[in-house]
Amino acid sequence: MSNEGFLVVSKGEDPISADIIFVHGLEGKREGTWTKTKVKQKDGSKRDIFWPGALLARETWMKHVRVMSVSSISLLQLFSR
């Protein structure tokens, strides 16, 4: 995943009826904000889940919805470095 800018998580099918855009908080990052860490799998292993893509975008009712996430550096992050 890129650190900044838009990431199309699911492009949806035409005709697109809506866009959902996930935006992180002032001190957050796309991966940290929208990822559930160490989710236990059926085989007993654990992995990180970027849920807008792994869960939401796969729902059947989301077929005609484009899902995106945006990440950027806020002024708060710039001044706290």
Protein backbone atom coordinates (compact mmCIF):
# COMPACT_ATOMS: atom_id res chain seq x y z
CA MET A 1 0.00 0.00 0.00
CA SER A 2 1.13 3.48 -0.75
CA ASN A 3 1.72 5.80 2.20
CA GLU A 4 -0.21 8.78 0.81
CA GLY A 5 -3.03 9.49 -1.61
CA PHE A 6 -6.06 7.49 -2.71
CA LEU A 7 -6.13 3.71 -2.70
CA VAL A 8 -8.98 2.06 -4.59
CA VAL A 9 -9.84 -0.88 -2.35
CA SER A 10 -12.68 -2.13 -4.55
CA LYS A 11 -13.51 -0.63 -7.94
CA GLY A 12 -17.10 -1.92 -7.91
CA GLU A 13 -19.12 -2.87 -10.95
CA ASP A 14 -20.80 -0.48 -13.39
CA PRO A 15 -23.02 1.35 -12.85
CA ILE A 16 -21.37 2.72 -9.70
CA SER A 17 -24.14 3.86 -7.33
CA ALA A 18 -21.95 5.28 -4.55
CA ASP A 19 -18.40 5.93 -3.38
CA ILE A 20 -17.29 5.17 0.16
CA ILE A 21 -14.05 6.87 1.21
CA PHE A 22 -12.28 5.92 4.43
CA VAL A 23 -10.28 8.80 5.93
CA HIS A 24 -7.92 8.38 8.87
CA GLY A 25 -7.70 10.76 11.84
CA LEU A 26 -5.27 13.66 12.27
CA GLU A 27 -2.49 11.52 13.70
CA GLY A 28 -3.41 8.27 11.97
CA LYS A 29 -2.36 6.36 8.91
CA ARG A 30 -4.51 4.34 6.54
CA GLU A 31 -3.03 0.98 7.50
CA GLY A 32 -3.12 1.56 11.26
CA THR A 33 -6.58 3.08 11.36
CA TRP A 34 -8.40 0.52 9.21
CA THR A 35 -6.44 -2.65 10.05
CA LYS A 36 -7.38 -5.14 12.74
CA THR A 37 -4.16 -6.83 13.85
CA LYS A 38 -3.59 -10.47 14.64
CA VAL A 39 -7.02 -11.82 13.71
CA LYS A 40 -7.26 -15.55 14.41
CA GLN A 41 -7.95 -17.61 11.29
CA LYS A 42 -9.76 -20.97 11.03
CA ASP A 43 -6.43 -22.79 10.75
CA GLY A 44 -5.24 -21.23 14.03
CA SER A 45 -2.85 -18.77 12.41
CA LYS A 46 -3.15 -15.02 12.90
CA ARG A 47 -2.98 -12.27 10.29
CA ASP A 48 -3.70 -8.57 9.92
CA ILE A 49 -6.98 -7.64 8.20
CA PHE A 50 -7.39 -4.36 6.25
CA TRP A 51 -11.13 -4.59 6.74
CA PRO A 52 -12.45 -2.15 4.08
CA GLY A 53 -11.06 -4.53 1.47
CA ALA A 54 -11.14 -7.85 3.27
CA LEU A 55 -14.66 -7.56 4.66
CA LEU A 56 -16.74 -4.60 3.49
CA ALA A 57 -15.85 -4.62 -0.22
CA ARG A 58 -16.69 -8.33 -0.49
CA GLU A 59 -20.31 -7.96 0.65
CA THR A 60 -22.82 -8.71 -2.14
CA TRP A 61 -24.83 -5.56 -1.45
CA MET A 62 -21.63 -3.57 -2.14
CA LYS A 63 -21.41 -4.80 -5.75
CA HIS A 64 -22.03 -1.35 -7.29
CA VAL A 65 -20.11 0.65 -4.67
CA ARG A 66 -16.54 1.87 -5.14
CA VAL A 67 -14.53 1.70 -1.90
CA MET A 68 -11.47 3.91 -1.43
CA SER A 69 -9.16 4.93 1.37
CA VAL A 70 -7.19 8.16 1.50
CA SER A 71 -4.08 8.82 3.50
CA SER A 72 -2.21 12.08 3.93
CA ILE A 73 0.11 13.86 6.31
CA SER A 74 -1.69 16.42 8.47
CA LEU A 75 -0.16 19.66 9.72
CA LEU A 76 -0.31 18.19 13.22
CA GLN A 77 1.92 15.32 12.09
CA LEU A 78 4.37 17.70 10.40
CA PHE A 79 4.81 19.86 13.50
CA SER A 80 5.09 16.92 15.90
CA ARG A 81 8.11 15.41 14.12
